[in-house]
Amino acid sequence: MPKMKTKSGAAKRFRVRGSGSIKRSHAYRRHILTKKTTKRKRNLRGMETINAADIGRVHAMMPYA
C-alpha cells in the first residue's frame, strides 16, 4: 500500500497542537483593509480552534499530522 499524501493546501492552513486540537487563522484579513474598522481587524488577529464538526475532515486531509 503506498503512503497517503497530505493535501498541501491543508498543510499550509492548519496546525495541529500538542493536545490534538487544530488551529487556523482568520479569514478577511488579507486585503481591502481600509474600509474595515480597527476593532474588526484587531479581532481577526491570532489563531482560533477549528469547529468540532470539521476535525474529521481536516484529519483526513492531513493523515500524518
N, C-alpha and C. Protein backbone atom coordinates (compact mmCIF):
# COMPACT_ATOMS: atom_id res chain seq x y z
N MET A 1 0.84 -1.18 0.00
CA MET A 1 0.00 0.00 0.00
C MET A 1 0.89 1.25 0.00
N PRO A 2 0.68 2.18 -0.92
CA PRO A 2 1.52 3.37 -0.94
C PRO A 2 1.17 4.32 0.21
N LYS A 3 2.10 5.21 0.47
CA LYS A 3 1.85 6.21 1.51
C LYS A 3 0.73 7.14 1.07
N MET A 4 -0.03 7.64 2.07
CA MET A 4 -1.07 8.63 1.77
C MET A 4 -0.43 10.01 1.70
N LYS A 5 -0.91 10.82 0.78
CA LYS A 5 -0.36 12.16 0.65
C LYS A 5 -1.16 13.14 1.49
N THR A 6 -0.44 14.11 2.06
CA THR A 6 -1.07 15.21 2.76
C THR A 6 -1.49 16.24 1.72
N LYS A 7 -2.70 16.78 1.86
CA LYS A 7 -3.14 17.86 0.97
C LYS A 7 -2.32 19.09 1.29
N SER A 8 -1.57 19.59 0.33
CA SER A 8 -0.63 20.69 0.61
C SER A 8 -1.36 21.96 1.01
N GLY A 9 -2.56 22.18 0.47
CA GLY A 9 -3.32 23.37 0.87
C GLY A 9 -3.73 23.32 2.32
N ALA A 10 -4.09 22.14 2.80
CA ALA A 10 -4.47 21.98 4.20
C ALA A 10 -3.26 22.13 5.11
N ALA A 11 -2.11 21.64 4.68
CA ALA A 11 -0.89 21.74 5.49
C ALA A 11 -0.49 23.19 5.69
N LYS A 12 -0.79 24.05 4.70
CA LYS A 12 -0.46 25.47 4.83
C LYS A 12 -1.45 26.21 5.71
N ARG A 13 -2.67 25.71 5.82
CA ARG A 13 -3.72 26.44 6.53
C ARG A 13 -3.91 26.02 7.98
N PHE A 14 -3.56 24.79 8.33
CA PHE A 14 -3.85 24.26 9.66
C PHE A 14 -2.59 23.80 10.35
N ARG A 15 -2.59 23.90 11.70
CA ARG A 15 -1.51 23.37 12.52
C ARG A 15 -2.15 22.55 13.64
N VAL A 16 -1.57 21.39 13.92
CA VAL A 16 -2.09 20.54 15.00
C VAL A 16 -1.31 20.87 16.27
N ARG A 17 -2.03 21.15 17.33
CA ARG A 17 -1.42 21.44 18.62
C ARG A 17 -1.02 20.14 19.31
N GLY A 18 -0.26 20.25 20.37
CA GLY A 18 0.16 19.08 21.12
C GLY A 18 -1.00 18.32 21.72
N SER A 19 -2.07 19.02 22.05
CA SER A 19 -3.25 18.37 22.63
C SER A 19 -4.07 17.64 21.58
N GLY A 20 -3.75 17.86 20.29
CA GLY A 20 -4.51 17.22 19.22
C GLY A 20 -5.53 18.13 18.57
N SER A 21 -5.80 19.29 19.19
CA SER A 21 -6.73 20.23 18.57
C SER A 21 -6.03 20.91 17.40
N ILE A 22 -6.81 21.46 16.51
CA ILE A 22 -6.27 22.05 15.28
C ILE A 22 -6.57 23.53 15.28
N LYS A 23 -5.53 24.33 14.98
CA LYS A 23 -5.73 25.77 14.94
C LYS A 23 -5.69 26.27 13.51
N ARG A 24 -6.35 27.40 13.30
CA ARG A 24 -6.41 28.03 11.98
C ARG A 24 -6.35 29.53 12.17
N SER A 25 -6.02 30.24 11.10
CA SER A 25 -6.05 31.69 11.16
C SER A 25 -7.39 32.20 10.65
N HIS A 26 -7.65 33.48 10.87
CA HIS A 26 -8.91 34.08 10.47
C HIS A 26 -8.89 34.45 8.99
N ALA A 27 -10.05 34.48 8.39
CA ALA A 27 -10.20 34.98 7.02
C ALA A 27 -10.48 36.48 7.06
N TYR A 28 -10.53 37.11 5.89
CA TYR A 28 -10.87 38.54 5.73
C TYR A 28 -9.81 39.47 6.30
N ARG A 29 -8.55 39.07 6.27
CA ARG A 29 -7.50 39.92 6.83
C ARG A 29 -6.42 40.21 5.80
N ARG A 30 -6.63 39.88 4.53
CA ARG A 30 -5.56 39.97 3.54
C ARG A 30 -5.52 41.30 2.79
N HIS A 31 -6.65 41.77 2.35
CA HIS A 31 -6.66 43.00 1.54
C HIS A 31 -7.99 43.72 1.74
N ILE A 32 -8.11 44.89 1.13
CA ILE A 32 -9.26 45.79 1.30
C ILE A 32 -9.46 46.08 2.79
N LEU A 33 -8.38 46.52 3.43
CA LEU A 33 -8.42 46.74 4.87
C LEU A 33 -8.84 48.16 5.24
N THR A 34 -8.89 49.07 4.27
CA THR A 34 -9.18 50.47 4.61
C THR A 34 -10.62 50.65 5.06
N LYS A 35 -11.55 49.88 4.52
CA LYS A 35 -12.95 50.04 4.91
C LYS A 35 -13.31 49.26 6.17
N LYS A 36 -12.41 48.42 6.66
CA LYS A 36 -12.69 47.65 7.87
C LYS A 36 -12.23 48.44 9.08
N THR A 37 -13.01 48.36 10.15
CA THR A 37 -12.67 49.11 11.35
C THR A 37 -11.46 48.51 12.04
N THR A 38 -10.81 49.34 12.85
CA THR A 38 -9.64 48.88 13.60
C THR A 38 -10.01 47.75 14.54
N LYS A 39 -11.17 47.84 15.17
CA LYS A 39 -11.61 46.79 16.09
C LYS A 39 -11.80 45.47 15.35
N ARG A 40 -12.39 45.52 14.16
CA ARG A 40 -12.62 44.31 13.38
C ARG A 40 -11.30 43.67 12.98
N LYS A 41 -10.34 44.47 12.54
CA LYS A 41 -9.03 43.94 12.14
C LYS A 41 -8.28 43.38 13.33
N ARG A 42 -8.40 44.04 14.50
CA ARG A 42 -7.74 43.57 15.71
C ARG A 42 -8.29 42.22 16.13
N ASN A 43 -9.60 42.05 16.02
CA ASN A 43 -10.22 40.78 16.40
C ASN A 43 -9.91 39.64 15.44
N LEU A 44 -9.41 39.97 14.25
CA LEU A 44 -9.05 38.93 13.28
C LEU A 44 -7.61 38.44 13.46
N ARG A 45 -6.87 39.06 14.38
CA ARG A 45 -5.51 38.62 14.63
C ARG A 45 -5.50 37.27 15.36
N GLY A 46 -4.37 36.61 15.30
CA GLY A 46 -4.20 35.40 16.08
C GLY A 46 -4.86 34.19 15.48
N MET A 47 -4.85 33.11 16.21
CA MET A 47 -5.36 31.84 15.73
C MET A 47 -6.62 31.47 16.50
N GLU A 48 -7.35 30.54 15.90
CA GLU A 48 -8.59 30.06 16.50
C GLU A 48 -8.66 28.55 16.30
N THR A 49 -9.34 27.86 17.21
CA THR A 49 -9.53 26.42 17.08
C THR A 49 -10.63 26.14 16.07
N ILE A 50 -10.43 25.13 15.23
CA ILE A 50 -11.47 24.83 14.24
C ILE A 50 -12.68 24.20 14.93
N ASN A 51 -13.80 24.27 14.26
CA ASN A 51 -15.05 23.75 14.79
C ASN A 51 -14.96 22.23 14.93
N ALA A 52 -15.61 21.68 15.93
CA ALA A 52 -15.58 20.24 16.17
C ALA A 52 -16.13 19.44 15.00
N ALA A 53 -17.06 20.03 14.24
CA ALA A 53 -17.65 19.33 13.10
C ALA A 53 -16.65 19.16 11.97
N ASP A 54 -15.58 19.96 11.94
CA ASP A 54 -14.61 19.91 10.84
C ASP A 54 -13.35 19.11 11.17
N ILE A 55 -13.22 18.64 12.39
CA ILE A 55 -11.98 17.95 12.79
C ILE A 55 -11.73 16.71 11.95
N GLY A 56 -12.77 15.92 11.69
CA GLY A 56 -12.60 14.71 10.89
C GLY A 56 -12.16 15.00 9.47
N ARG A 57 -12.71 16.04 8.89
CA ARG A 57 -12.32 16.41 7.52
C ARG A 57 -10.88 16.85 7.44
N VAL A 58 -10.45 17.63 8.42
CA VAL A 58 -9.06 18.13 8.40
C VAL A 58 -8.09 16.97 8.65
N HIS A 59 -8.42 16.06 9.54
CA HIS A 59 -7.57 14.90 9.79
C HIS A 59 -7.47 14.02 8.54
N ALA A 60 -8.53 13.93 7.76
CA ALA A 60 -8.49 13.15 6.53
C ALA A 60 -7.55 13.79 5.51
N MET A 61 -7.49 15.11 5.50
CA MET A 61 -6.61 15.82 4.57
C MET A 61 -5.16 15.79 5.02
N MET A 62 -4.94 15.62 6.34
CA MET A 62 -3.60 15.60 6.89
C MET A 62 -3.41 14.31 7.69
N PRO A 63 -3.21 13.17 7.04
CA PRO A 63 -3.21 11.89 7.75
C PRO A 63 -2.06 11.69 8.73
N TYR A 64 -0.95 12.40 8.56
CA TYR A 64 0.20 12.19 9.44
C TYR A 64 0.38 13.30 10.46
N ALA A 65 -0.56 14.23 10.54
CA ALA A 65 -0.43 15.36 11.48
C ALA A 65 -1.03 14.98 12.84
